[in-house]
Amino acid sequence: ILNGIMDVAAAHKNERGADLVGINMEGPYISPRKVGAQNPKYVMAADAGMFRRLQARSGGLIRLVDIAPEEPGNLDFIRECHNEVRISIAHTCTDYETAKEAFAAGASHMTHLYNAMPGITHREPGPIIAALEEGAEVELITDGVHIHPAMVRFTFNTFGDDHVILIADSMMACGLPDGQYSLGGQAVTVRGPRATLTEHPDTIAGSATCLYDCMKHAVMQMGVPLASAVRAASLNPARSIGIEADYGSLEPGRWGNVILADDQLNIVKVIRKGEVLA
């Protein structure tokens, strides 16, 4: 399955829509106890040889690899591969000490902070505090389903808006009507902004919200300052995957990618590489 995905990505030609600038390999090197909506039958230990084969097939598009550092052999993968790809801690049961080891080994990123990982307690601070101490980049899903607004504000205030990356975590139903969809071979039910596994309705199965609407929601409903939210949805993610020389800001030399919005953050015009699309 992954081979086919990499082949399709390598063959993709950017035309009128958004540019394909990278792949986040969120599985399968995760904890079998924190699979979330991923298919547990594909979970495995991190494999440097496998990763390199996939990277070659993708044409070098893999920008981020997610790892549960507590699983056997996964710290070794971080040590071996962190200079080849950004390593993110994700879908993990790791404690504070092992997370610190992972950051020391070369991890520098946290996938959808708070979701699919231990929380913070005063005796077991967990990976979130380790990420804060190590200056890691942290992702937030601000769709109004995954994280309470107070925790979103807490994260911006604590980590700083230069370390927060807004993500949609969207699956195939993004922008489509309510109904039945699939994710990793598992049935998903979408009602409004909430996507859940059909057979396990308490398990959130990604998001049905696009990144712009997540950014808008963070500002209009969660109290995040506009400048902070825009930075977290543009410059920070571009810098995180090493494409900030072309994307993420309006500095000279970057592509002219612009969204014009009104006071309520409704989109008025979209400009891609200097061309008005809508």
C-alpha atoms as a PDB file:
ATOM      1  CA  ILE A   1       0.000   0.000   0.000  1.00  0.00           C
ATOM      2  CA  LEU A   2       2.709   2.483   0.952  1.00  0.00           C
ATOM      3  CA  ASN A   3       4.662   1.689  -2.210  1.00  0.00           C
ATOM      4  CA  GLY A   4       1.624   2.598  -4.292  1.00  0.00           C
ATOM      5  CA  ILE A   5       1.112   5.844  -2.381  1.00  0.00           C
ATOM      6  CA  MET A   6       4.733   6.857  -2.932  1.00  0.00           C
ATOM      7  CA  ASP A   7       4.483   6.053  -6.642  1.00  0.00           C
ATOM      8  CA  VAL A   8       1.359   8.188  -7.005  1.00  0.00           C
ATOM      9  CA  ALA A   9       2.984  11.068  -5.117  1.00  0.00           C
ATOM     10  CA  ALA A  10       6.130  10.907  -7.252  1.00  0.00           C
ATOM     11  CA  ALA A  11       4.052  10.937 -10.452  1.00  0.00           C
ATOM     12  CA  HIS A  12       1.777  13.800  -9.346  1.00  0.00           C
ATOM     13  CA  LYS A  13       1.945  16.964 -11.450  1.00  0.00           C
ATOM     14  CA  ASN A  14       0.973  20.198  -9.722  1.00  0.00           C
ATOM     15  CA  GLU A  15      -1.422  22.109 -11.917  1.00  0.00           C
ATOM     16  CA  ARG A  16      -4.167  24.468 -10.785  1.00  0.00           C
ATOM     17  CA  GLY A  17      -4.644  23.238  -7.220  1.00  0.00           C
ATOM     18  CA  ALA A  18      -2.381  23.290  -4.197  1.00  0.00           C
ATOM     19  CA  ASP A  19       1.228  22.165  -4.603  1.00  0.00           C
ATOM     20  CA  LEU A  20       2.227  18.754  -3.282  1.00  0.00           C
ATOM     21  CA  VAL A  21       5.322  19.720  -1.308  1.00  0.00           C
ATOM     22  CA  GLY A  22       5.742  16.721   0.972  1.00  0.00           C
ATOM     23  CA  ILE A  23       4.428  13.599   2.664  1.00  0.00           C
ATOM     24  CA  ASN A  24       3.845  13.055   6.380  1.00  0.00           C
ATOM     25  CA  MET A  25       4.409   9.350   7.043  1.00  0.00           C
ATOM     26  CA  GLU A  26       2.218   9.163  10.147  1.00  0.00           C
ATOM     27  CA  GLY A  27       2.384   5.372  10.281  1.00  0.00           C
ATOM     28  CA  PRO A  28       3.216   2.570  10.673  1.00  0.00           C
ATOM     29  CA  TYR A  29       5.989   3.110  13.252  1.00  0.00           C
ATOM     30  CA  ILE A  30       3.603   3.803  16.108  1.00  0.00           C
ATOM     31  CA  SER A  31       2.434   2.221  19.357  1.00  0.00           C
ATOM     32  CA  PRO A  32      -0.069  -0.633  18.965  1.00  0.00           C
ATOM     33  CA  ARG A  33      -1.747   0.765  22.091  1.00  0.00           C
ATOM     34  CA  LYS A  34      -2.265   4.218  20.547  1.00  0.00           C
ATOM     35  CA  VAL A  35      -3.332   3.479  17.001  1.00  0.00           C
ATOM     36  CA  GLY A  36      -6.252   5.915  17.107  1.00  0.00           C
ATOM     37  CA  ALA A  37      -8.067   5.457  13.809  1.00  0.00           C
ATOM     38  CA  GLN A  38      -5.124   3.800  12.061  1.00  0.00           C
ATOM     39  CA  ASN A  39      -5.423   0.156  11.087  1.00  0.00           C
ATOM     40  CA  PRO A  40      -3.604  -1.873  13.779  1.00  0.00           C
ATOM     41  CA  LYS A  41      -2.654  -4.679  11.384  1.00  0.00           C
ATOM     42  CA  TYR A  42      -0.113  -2.404   9.691  1.00  0.00           C
ATOM     43  CA  VAL A  43       1.710  -1.260  12.856  1.00  0.00           C
ATOM     44  CA  MET A  44       5.368  -2.277  12.956  1.00  0.00           C
ATOM     45  CA  ALA A  45       8.766  -1.320  14.368  1.00  0.00           C
ATOM     46  CA  ALA A  46      10.623   1.488  12.642  1.00  0.00           C
ATOM     47  CA  ASP A  47      12.754   0.224   9.759  1.00  0.00           C
ATOM     48  CA  ALA A  48      15.441   2.463   8.235  1.00  0.00           C
ATOM     49  CA  GLY A  49      15.797   0.315   5.135  1.00  0.00           C
ATOM     50  CA  MET A  50      12.068   0.376   4.499  1.00  0.00           C
ATOM     51  CA  PHE A  51      11.936   4.130   5.007  1.00  0.00           C
ATOM     52  CA  ARG A  52      14.773   4.692   2.528  1.00  0.00           C
ATOM     53  CA  ARG A  53      13.098   2.504  -0.088  1.00  0.00           C
ATOM     54  CA  LEU A  54       9.863   4.455   0.311  1.00  0.00           C
ATOM     55  CA  GLN A  55      11.721   7.754   0.197  1.00  0.00           C
ATOM     56  CA  ALA A  56      13.379   6.742  -3.073  1.00  0.00           C
ATOM     57  CA  ARG A  57      10.035   5.734  -4.596  1.00  0.00           C
ATOM     58  CA  SER A  58       8.470   9.056  -3.555  1.00  0.00           C
ATOM     59  CA  GLY A  59      11.236  11.058  -5.205  1.00  0.00           C
ATOM     60  CA  GLY A  60      12.345  12.436  -1.842  1.00  0.00           C
ATOM     61  CA  LEU A  61       8.911  13.764  -0.882  1.00  0.00           C
ATOM     62  CA  ILE A  62       8.734  12.276   2.618  1.00  0.00           C
ATOM     63  CA  ARG A  63       9.304  15.260   4.911  1.00  0.00           C
ATOM     64  CA  LEU A  64       8.105  13.899   8.245  1.00  0.00           C
ATOM     65  CA  VAL A  65       8.172  10.438   9.831  1.00  0.00           C
ATOM     66  CA  ASP A  66       6.152   9.757  12.978  1.00  0.00           C
ATOM     67  CA  ILE A  67       7.606   7.534  15.684  1.00  0.00           C
ATOM     68  CA  ALA A  68       6.525   6.063  19.014  1.00  0.00           C
ATOM     69  CA  PRO A  69       9.952   6.197  20.674  1.00  0.00           C
ATOM     70  CA  GLU A  70       9.171   3.676  23.402  1.00  0.00           C
ATOM     71  CA  GLU A  71       8.737   0.809  20.943  1.00  0.00           C
ATOM     72  CA  PRO A  72      11.747  -1.535  20.535  1.00  0.00           C
ATOM     73  CA  GLY A  73      14.312  -0.258  18.046  1.00  0.00           C
ATOM     74  CA  ASN A  74      12.594   3.058  17.394  1.00  0.00           C
ATOM     75  CA  LEU A  75      15.153   5.183  19.239  1.00  0.00           C
ATOM     76  CA  ASP A  76      17.806   3.615  17.025  1.00  0.00           C
ATOM     77  CA  PHE A  77      15.796   4.672  13.958  1.00  0.00           C
ATOM     78  CA  ILE A  78      15.711   8.256  15.232  1.00  0.00           C
ATOM     79  CA  ARG A  79      19.479   8.271  15.741  1.00  0.00           C
ATOM     80  CA  GLU A  80      20.099   6.818  12.293  1.00  0.00           C
ATOM     81  CA  CYS A  81      17.610   8.804  10.209  1.00  0.00           C
ATOM     82  CA  HIS A  82      17.101  12.206  11.855  1.00  0.00           C
ATOM     83  CA  ASN A  83      19.526  13.860   9.431  1.00  0.00           C
ATOM     84  CA  GLU A  84      17.541  12.486   6.471  1.00  0.00           C
ATOM     85  CA  VAL A  85      13.996  13.411   7.511  1.00  0.00           C
ATOM     86  CA  ARG A  86      12.208  15.310  10.267  1.00  0.00           C
ATOM     87  CA  ILE A  87      11.249  12.959  13.121  1.00  0.00           C
ATOM     88  CA  SER A  88       7.997  13.521  15.019  1.00  0.00           C
ATOM     89  CA  ILE A  89       6.783  11.825  18.196  1.00  0.00           C
ATOM     90  CA  ALA A  90       3.264  10.512  17.659  1.00  0.00           C
ATOM     91  CA  HIS A  91       0.670   7.861  18.560  1.00  0.00           C
ATOM     92  CA  THR A  92       2.730   7.015  21.601  1.00  0.00           C
ATOM     93  CA  CYS A  93       2.626   5.818  25.188  1.00  0.00           C
ATOM     94  CA  THR A  94       6.057   7.276  25.919  1.00  0.00           C
ATOM     95  CA  ASP A  95       6.915   8.702  29.311  1.00  0.00           C
ATOM     96  CA  TYR A  96       8.835  11.926  29.956  1.00  0.00           C
ATOM     97  CA  GLU A  97      12.240  10.244  30.198  1.00  0.00           C
ATOM     98  CA  THR A  98      11.927   8.303  26.927  1.00  0.00           C
ATOM     99  CA  ALA A  99      10.606  11.384  25.134  1.00  0.00           C
ATOM    100  CA  LYS A 100      13.670  13.302  26.344  1.00  0.00           C
ATOM    101  CA  GLU A 101      15.846  10.498  24.934  1.00  0.00           C
ATOM    102  CA  ALA A 102      14.024  10.778  21.619  1.00  0.00           C
ATOM    103  CA  PHE A 103      14.656  14.506  21.401  1.00  0.00           C
ATOM    104  CA  ALA A 104      18.301  13.982  22.333  1.00  0.00           C
ATOM    105  CA  ALA A 105      18.508  11.368  19.556  1.00  0.00           C
ATOM    106  CA  GLY A 106      17.209  13.827  16.961  1.00  0.00           C
ATOM    107  CA  ALA A 107      13.412  14.096  17.141  1.00  0.00           C
ATOM    108  CA  SER A 108      12.185  17.694  16.974  1.00  0.00           C
ATOM    109  CA  HIS A 109       8.455  17.612  16.329  1.00  0.00           C
ATOM    110  CA  MET A 110       5.184  16.493  17.969  1.00  0.00           C
ATOM    111  CA  THR A 111       2.266  15.287  15.874  1.00  0.00           C
ATOM    112  CA  HIS A 112      -1.208  16.571  16.886  1.00  0.00           C
ATOM    113  CA  LEU A 113      -0.239  17.478  20.458  1.00  0.00           C
ATOM    114  CA  TYR A 114      -2.458  15.987  23.208  1.00  0.00           C
ATOM    115  CA  ASN A 115      -4.109  13.508  20.836  1.00  0.00           C
ATOM    116  CA  ALA A 116      -2.927   9.868  20.997  1.00  0.00           C
ATOM    117  CA  MET A 117      -0.347  10.448  23.735  1.00  0.00           C
ATOM    118  CA  PRO A 118      -0.171  10.623  27.553  1.00  0.00           C
ATOM    119  CA  GLY A 119      -1.332  13.839  29.165  1.00  0.00           C
ATOM    120  CA  ILE A 120       0.352  15.999  31.803  1.00  0.00           C
ATOM    121  CA  THR A 121       0.278  15.159  35.506  1.00  0.00           C
ATOM    122  CA  HIS A 122       2.402  16.520  38.320  1.00  0.00           C
ATOM    123  CA  ARG A 123       4.240  13.228  38.936  1.00  0.00           C
ATOM    124  CA  GLU A 124       4.331  11.961  35.357  1.00  0.00           C
ATOM    125  CA  PRO A 125       4.878  15.024  33.153  1.00  0.00           C
ATOM    126  CA  GLY A 126       4.894  12.942  29.979  1.00  0.00           C
ATOM    127  CA  PRO A 127       6.021  13.801  26.443  1.00  0.00           C
ATOM    128  CA  ILE A 128       4.265  17.168  26.268  1.00  0.00           C
ATOM    129  CA  ILE A 129       6.475  18.695  28.957  1.00  0.00           C
ATOM    130  CA  ALA A 130       9.524  17.052  27.377  1.00  0.00           C
ATOM    131  CA  ALA A 131       8.617  18.750  24.088  1.00  0.00           C
ATOM    132  CA  LEU A 132       8.265  22.107  25.848  1.00  0.00           C
ATOM    133  CA  GLU A 133      11.655  21.792  27.517  1.00  0.00           C
ATOM    134  CA  GLU A 134      13.363  20.730  24.297  1.00  0.00           C
ATOM    135  CA  GLY A 135      11.868  23.519  22.173  1.00  0.00           C
ATOM    136  CA  ALA A 136      10.060  21.107  19.858  1.00  0.00           C
ATOM    137  CA  GLU A 137       7.561  22.147  17.214  1.00  0.00           C
ATOM    138  CA  VAL A 138       4.051  21.059  18.148  1.00  0.00           C
ATOM    139  CA  GLU A 139       0.992  20.529  15.991  1.00  0.00           C
ATOM    140  CA  LEU A 140      -2.567  21.424  16.996  1.00  0.00           C
ATOM    141  CA  ILE A 141      -5.833  20.321  15.387  1.00  0.00           C
ATOM    142  CA  THR A 142      -8.087  23.342  15.848  1.00  0.00           C
ATOM    143  CA  ASP A 143     -11.245  21.952  14.257  1.00  0.00           C
ATOM    144  CA  GLY A 144     -13.289  22.385  17.448  1.00  0.00           C
ATOM    145  CA  VAL A 145     -13.501  18.616  17.956  1.00  0.00           C
ATOM    146  CA  HIS A 146     -10.022  17.432  18.923  1.00  0.00           C
ATOM    147  CA  ILE A 147      -8.938  20.012  21.507  1.00  0.00           C
ATOM    148  CA  HIS A 148     -10.726  22.335  23.939  1.00  0.00           C
ATOM    149  CA  PRO A 149     -10.221  26.051  23.136  1.00  0.00           C
ATOM    150  CA  ALA A 150      -8.608  26.666  26.534  1.00  0.00           C
ATOM    151  CA  MET A 151      -5.923  24.093  25.708  1.00  0.00           C
ATOM    152  CA  VAL A 152      -5.319  25.730  22.345  1.00  0.00           C
ATOM    153  CA  ARG A 153      -4.767  29.104  24.040  1.00  0.00           C
ATOM    154  CA  PHE A 154      -2.589  27.426  26.683  1.00  0.00           C
ATOM    155  CA  THR A 155      -0.399  25.902  23.981  1.00  0.00           C
ATOM    156  CA  PHE A 156       0.137  29.171  22.121  1.00  0.00           C
ATOM    157  CA  ASN A 157       0.882  30.973  25.376  1.00  0.00           C
ATOM    158  CA  THR A 158       3.237  28.251  26.638  1.00  0.00           C
ATOM    159  CA  PHE A 159       5.116  27.096  23.537  1.00  0.00           C
ATOM    160  CA  GLY A 160       5.006  30.465  21.742  1.00  0.00           C
ATOM    161  CA  ASP A 161       3.478  31.118  18.341  1.00  0.00           C
ATOM    162  CA  ASP A 162       6.803  30.405  16.635  1.00  0.00           C
ATOM    163  CA  HIS A 163       6.643  26.755  17.763  1.00  0.00           C
ATOM    164  CA  VAL A 164       2.973  25.939  17.046  1.00  0.00           C
ATOM    165  CA  ILE A 165       1.814  24.417  13.755  1.00  0.00           C
ATOM    166  CA  LEU A 166      -1.889  24.298  12.946  1.00  0.00           C
ATOM    167  CA  ILE A 167      -3.005  21.178  11.091  1.00  0.00           C
ATOM    168  CA  ALA A 168      -6.345  19.887   9.848  1.00  0.00           C
ATOM    169  CA  ASP A 169      -5.604  16.143  10.195  1.00  0.00           C
ATOM    170  CA  SER A 170      -8.274  15.823   7.528  1.00  0.00           C
ATOM    171  CA  MET A 171      -9.245  12.568   5.847  1.00  0.00           C
ATOM    172  CA  MET A 172     -11.014  11.830   2.556  1.00  0.00           C
ATOM    173  CA  ALA A 173     -14.342  13.383   3.686  1.00  0.00           C
ATOM    174  CA  CYS A 174     -12.880  16.894   3.926  1.00  0.00           C
ATOM    175  CA  GLY A 175     -15.216  19.247   2.064  1.00  0.00           C
ATOM    176  CA  LEU A 176     -17.760  16.495   1.369  1.00  0.00           C
ATOM    177  CA  PRO A 177     -21.261  15.880   2.796  1.00  0.00           C
ATOM    178  CA  ASP A 178     -22.028  13.839   5.897  1.00  0.00           C
ATOM    179  CA  GLY A 179     -21.986  10.107   5.298  1.00  0.00           C
ATOM    180  CA  GLN A 180     -19.865   6.969   5.208  1.00  0.00           C
ATOM    181  CA  TYR A 181     -16.204   7.063   4.228  1.00  0.00           C
ATOM    182  CA  SER A 182     -13.074   5.020   4.947  1.00  0.00           C
ATOM    183  CA  LEU A 183      -9.656   5.487   6.500  1.00  0.00           C
ATOM    184  CA  GLY A 184      -6.937   2.847   6.257  1.00  0.00           C
ATOM    185  CA  GLY A 185      -9.493   0.258   5.284  1.00  0.00           C
ATOM    186  CA  GLN A 186     -11.800   1.053   8.215  1.00  0.00           C
ATOM    187  CA  ALA A 187     -15.309   2.523   7.926  1.00  0.00           C
ATOM    188  CA  VAL A 188     -15.708   6.127   9.067  1.00  0.00           C
ATOM    189  CA  THR A 189     -18.921   8.029   9.800  1.00  0.00           C
ATOM    190  CA  VAL A 190     -18.929  11.805   9.285  1.00  0.00           C
ATOM    191  CA  ARG A 191     -21.524  14.056  10.893  1.00  0.00           C
ATOM    192  CA  GLY A 192     -20.791  17.761  10.721  1.00  0.00           C
ATOM    193  CA  PRO A 193     -17.200  18.448  11.756  1.00  0.00           C
ATOM    194  CA  ARG A 194     -16.851  15.100  13.540  1.00  0.00           C
ATOM    195  CA  ALA A 195     -15.432  11.968  11.896  1.00  0.00           C
ATOM    196  CA  THR A 196     -15.423   8.730  13.907  1.00  0.00           C
ATOM    197  CA  LEU A 197     -14.801   5.056  13.308  1.00  0.00           C
ATOM    198  CA  THR A 198     -18.171   3.532  12.469  1.00  0.00           C
ATOM    199  CA  GLU A 199     -17.552   0.437  14.603  1.00  0.00           C
ATOM    200  CA  HIS A 200     -15.987   2.473  17.427  1.00  0.00           C
ATOM    201  CA  PRO A 201     -17.913   5.770  17.529  1.00  0.00           C
ATOM    202  CA  ASP A 202     -15.890   7.082  20.482  1.00  0.00           C
ATOM    203  CA  THR A 203     -12.706   7.038  18.351  1.00  0.00           C
ATOM    204  CA  ILE A 204     -12.103  10.226  16.365  1.00  0.00           C
ATOM    205  CA  ALA A 205     -10.987   9.347  12.824  1.00  0.00           C
ATOM    206  CA  GLY A 206      -9.126  12.437  11.750  1.00  0.00           C
ATOM    207  CA  SER A 207     -10.937  15.590  10.708  1.00  0.00           C
ATOM    208  CA  ALA A 208     -13.426  16.663   8.050  1.00  0.00           C
ATOM    209  CA  THR A 209     -12.272  20.304   8.243  1.00  0.00           C
ATOM    210  CA  CYS A 210      -9.758  22.004   5.941  1.00  0.00           C
ATOM    211  CA  LEU A 211      -6.726  23.868   7.307  1.00  0.00           C
ATOM    212  CA  TYR A 212      -8.073  27.324   6.489  1.00  0.00           C
ATOM    213  CA  ASP A 213     -11.243  26.653   8.469  1.00  0.00           C
ATOM    214  CA  CYS A 214      -9.129  25.337  11.365  1.00  0.00           C
ATOM    215  CA  MET A 215      -7.136  28.564  11.314  1.00  0.00           C
ATOM    216  CA  LYS A 216     -10.340  30.604  11.123  1.00  0.00           C
ATOM    217  CA  HIS A 217     -11.854  28.613  13.997  1.00  0.00           C
ATOM    218  CA  ALA A 218      -8.766  29.231  16.142  1.00  0.00           C
ATOM    219  CA  VAL A 219      -9.185  32.982  15.692  1.00  0.00           C
ATOM    220  CA  MET A 220     -12.973  33.389  15.708  1.00  0.00           C
ATOM    221  CA  GLN A 221     -13.941  30.778  18.314  1.00  0.00           C
ATOM    222  CA  MET A 222     -10.807  30.031  20.324  1.00  0.00           C
ATOM    223  CA  GLY A 223      -9.335  33.458  20.989  1.00  0.00           C
ATOM    224  CA  VAL A 224      -5.998  32.981  19.222  1.00  0.00           C
ATOM    225  CA  PRO A 225      -4.588  36.267  17.864  1.00  0.00           C
ATOM    226  CA  LEU A 226      -4.912  36.492  14.090  1.00  0.00           C
ATOM    227  CA  ALA A 227      -1.195  37.043  13.485  1.00  0.00           C
ATOM    228  CA  SER A 228      -0.319  34.026  15.630  1.00  0.00           C
ATOM    229  CA  ALA A 229      -2.828  31.762  13.908  1.00  0.00           C
ATOM    230  CA  VAL A 230      -1.727  32.832  10.424  1.00  0.00           C
ATOM    231  CA  ARG A 231       1.919  32.235  11.301  1.00  0.00           C
ATOM    232  CA  ALA A 232       1.062  28.798  12.716  1.00  0.00           C
ATOM    233  CA  ALA A 233      -0.747  27.879   9.484  1.00  0.00           C
ATOM    234  CA  SER A 234       1.829  29.215   7.032  1.00  0.00           C
ATOM    235  CA  LEU A 235       5.415  30.110   7.963  1.00  0.00           C
ATOM    236  CA  ASN A 236       5.850  27.614  10.810  1.00  0.00           C
ATOM    237  CA  PRO A 237       4.820  24.511   8.833  1.00  0.00           C
ATOM    238  CA  ALA A 238       6.836  25.628   5.817  1.00  0.00           C
ATOM    239  CA  ARG A 239       9.926  26.088   7.979  1.00  0.00           C
ATOM    240  CA  SER A 240       9.284  22.779   9.713  1.00  0.00           C
ATOM    241  CA  ILE A 241       9.603  20.772   6.494  1.00  0.00           C
ATOM    242  CA  GLY A 242      12.324  22.907   4.952  1.00  0.00           C
ATOM    243  CA  ILE A 243      10.421  24.737   2.210  1.00  0.00           C
ATOM    244  CA  GLU A 244      10.422  28.228   3.724  1.00  0.00           C
ATOM    245  CA  ALA A 245      12.631  29.573   0.908  1.00  0.00           C
ATOM    246  CA  ASP A 246       9.629  29.198  -1.436  1.00  0.00           C
ATOM    247  CA  TYR A 247       6.517  29.025   0.756  1.00  0.00           C
ATOM    248  CA  GLY A 248       5.009  30.259   4.001  1.00  0.00           C
ATOM    249  CA  SER A 249       5.503  34.021   3.788  1.00  0.00           C
ATOM    250  CA  LEU A 250       5.376  36.993   1.434  1.00  0.00           C
ATOM    251  CA  GLU A 251       9.081  37.756   1.711  1.00  0.00           C
ATOM    252  CA  PRO A 252      10.825  38.599  -1.588  1.00  0.00           C
ATOM    253  CA  GLY A 253      11.671  35.498  -3.601  1.00  0.00           C
ATOM    254  CA  ARG A 254       8.799  33.359  -2.318  1.00  0.00           C
ATOM    255  CA  TRP A 255       5.901  32.238  -4.455  1.00  0.00           C
ATOM    256  CA  GLY A 256       3.046  34.738  -4.597  1.00  0.00           C
ATOM    257  CA  ASN A 257       0.517  32.567  -2.768  1.00  0.00           C
ATOM    258  CA  VAL A 258      -2.066  34.781  -1.060  1.00  0.00           C
ATOM    259  CA  ILE A 259      -5.503  34.437   0.514  1.00  0.00           C
ATOM    260  CA  LEU A 260      -7.510  37.663   0.740  1.00  0.00           C
ATOM    261  CA  ALA A 261     -10.195  37.574   3.430  1.00  0.00           C
ATOM    262  CA  ASP A 262     -12.764  39.958   4.915  1.00  0.00           C
ATOM    263  CA  ASP A 263     -13.108  40.970   8.583  1.00  0.00           C
ATOM    264  CA  GLN A 264     -14.873  37.690   9.381  1.00  0.00           C
ATOM    265  CA  LEU A 265     -12.106  35.707   7.648  1.00  0.00           C
ATOM    266  CA  ASN A 266     -14.373  34.674   4.798  1.00  0.00           C
ATOM    267  CA  ILE A 267     -12.255  34.068   1.704  1.00  0.00           C
ATOM    268  CA  VAL A 268     -12.587  36.806  -0.915  1.00  0.00           C
ATOM    269  CA  LYS A 269      -9.842  35.823  -3.365  1.00  0.00           C
ATOM    270  CA  VAL A 270      -7.210  33.126  -3.748  1.00  0.00           C
ATOM    271  CA  ILE A 271      -3.965  33.877  -5.576  1.00  0.00           C
ATOM    272  CA  ARG A 272      -1.622  31.021  -6.501  1.00  0.00           C
ATOM    273  CA  LYS A 273       1.834  31.893  -7.768  1.00  0.00           C
ATOM    274  CA  GLY A 274       0.594  35.325  -8.758  1.00  0.00           C
ATOM    275  CA  GLU A 275      -2.501  34.083 -10.606  1.00  0.00           C
ATOM    276  CA  VAL A 276      -5.976  34.899  -9.289  1.00  0.00           C
ATOM    277  CA  LEU A 277      -7.860  31.597  -9.037  1.00  0.00           C
ATOM    278  CA  ALA A 278     -11.115  32.673  -7.428  1.00  0.00           C
END
